[in-house]
């Protein structure tokens, strides 16, 4: 099915006013420059990891032990019977 810009504009005119922001965000996601968006995600990841800069080696070790234990419990449990 080939869709024209006119068809899309007609559909957009039917979007309720209270949903226009959501429609805009979805369209923007499709048109965003991929390289710029990737850089944006990298920057956000750096900001997130910076939140853990003040953790001590002991805090990281405790976190790692807890993470490994949780993974073992989640991924090594028996399959449920259906």
Protein backbone atom coordinates (compact mmCIF):
# COMPACT_ATOMS: atom_id res chain seq x y z
CA UNK A 1 0.00 0.00 0.00
CA UNK A 2 1.41 3.36 -1.01
CA UNK A 3 0.58 6.22 1.31
CA UNK A 4 0.82 9.82 0.20
CA UNK A 5 1.62 12.83 2.32
CA UNK A 6 -1.92 14.04 1.67
CA UNK A 7 -3.35 10.85 3.20
CA UNK A 8 -1.18 11.29 6.27
CA UNK A 9 -2.19 14.94 6.65
CA UNK A 10 -5.86 13.97 6.39
CA UNK A 11 -5.40 11.41 9.15
CA UNK A 12 -3.52 13.91 11.31
CA UNK A 13 -6.45 16.31 11.05
CA UNK A 14 -8.57 13.66 12.76
CA UNK A 15 -6.26 13.38 15.80
CA UNK A 16 -8.02 14.72 18.91
CA UNK A 17 -6.51 17.93 20.27
CA UNK A 18 -5.56 16.30 23.55
CA UNK A 19 -3.46 13.72 21.66
CA UNK A 20 -1.58 16.15 19.37
CA UNK A 21 1.54 16.18 21.58
CA UNK A 22 1.74 12.38 21.41
CA UNK A 23 1.26 12.44 17.63
CA UNK A 24 3.98 15.04 17.27
CA UNK A 25 6.42 13.02 19.39
CA UNK A 26 5.82 9.89 17.33
CA UNK A 27 6.32 11.74 14.06
CA UNK A 28 9.46 13.38 15.45
CA UNK A 29 10.85 9.96 16.39
CA UNK A 30 10.53 8.92 12.76
CA UNK A 31 12.22 12.02 11.41
CA UNK A 32 15.03 12.50 13.92
CA UNK A 33 18.59 12.33 12.61
CA UNK A 34 19.83 8.86 13.56
CA UNK A 35 23.41 9.93 14.34
CA UNK A 36 22.25 12.84 16.49
CA UNK A 37 19.75 10.61 18.29
CA UNK A 38 22.43 8.00 18.94
CA UNK A 39 24.68 10.70 20.41
CA UNK A 40 21.76 11.85 22.57
CA UNK A 41 21.33 8.31 23.92
CA UNK A 42 25.05 8.01 24.62
CA UNK A 43 24.99 11.29 26.54
CA UNK A 44 21.98 10.13 28.57
CA UNK A 45 23.80 6.89 29.37
CA UNK A 46 26.84 8.85 30.54
CA UNK A 47 24.62 10.96 32.77
CA UNK A 48 23.08 7.84 34.26
CA UNK A 49 26.40 6.17 34.98
CA UNK A 50 27.68 9.39 36.56
CA UNK A 51 24.99 8.92 39.20
CA UNK A 52 27.02 5.99 40.53
CA UNK A 53 30.38 7.79 40.68
CA UNK A 54 30.20 8.14 44.44
CA UNK A 55 29.79 4.39 45.07
CA UNK A 56 32.66 2.79 46.91
CA UNK A 57 34.31 -0.43 45.79
CA UNK A 58 32.41 -2.19 48.59
CA UNK A 59 29.09 -0.79 47.36
CA UNK A 60 29.84 -2.05 43.84
CA UNK A 61 30.86 -5.46 45.17
CA UNK A 62 27.62 -5.74 47.18
CA UNK A 63 25.61 -4.66 44.15
CA UNK A 64 27.38 -7.19 41.93
CA UNK A 65 26.78 -10.04 44.37
CA UNK A 66 23.10 -9.11 44.59
CA UNK A 67 22.83 -8.82 40.81
CA UNK A 68 24.43 -12.22 40.22
CA UNK A 69 22.18 -13.83 42.82
CA UNK A 70 19.07 -12.28 41.27
CA UNK A 71 20.11 -13.46 37.80
CA UNK A 72 20.64 -16.99 39.08
CA UNK A 73 17.22 -17.01 40.71
CA UNK A 74 15.46 -15.60 37.67
CA UNK A 75 17.12 -17.57 34.88
CA UNK A 76 17.70 -20.90 36.57
CA UNK A 77 14.26 -21.47 38.02
CA UNK A 78 12.20 -24.36 36.67
CA UNK A 79 9.77 -23.68 33.86
CA UNK A 80 6.19 -23.34 35.13
CA UNK A 81 3.81 -26.14 34.33
CA UNK A 82 0.97 -24.96 32.16
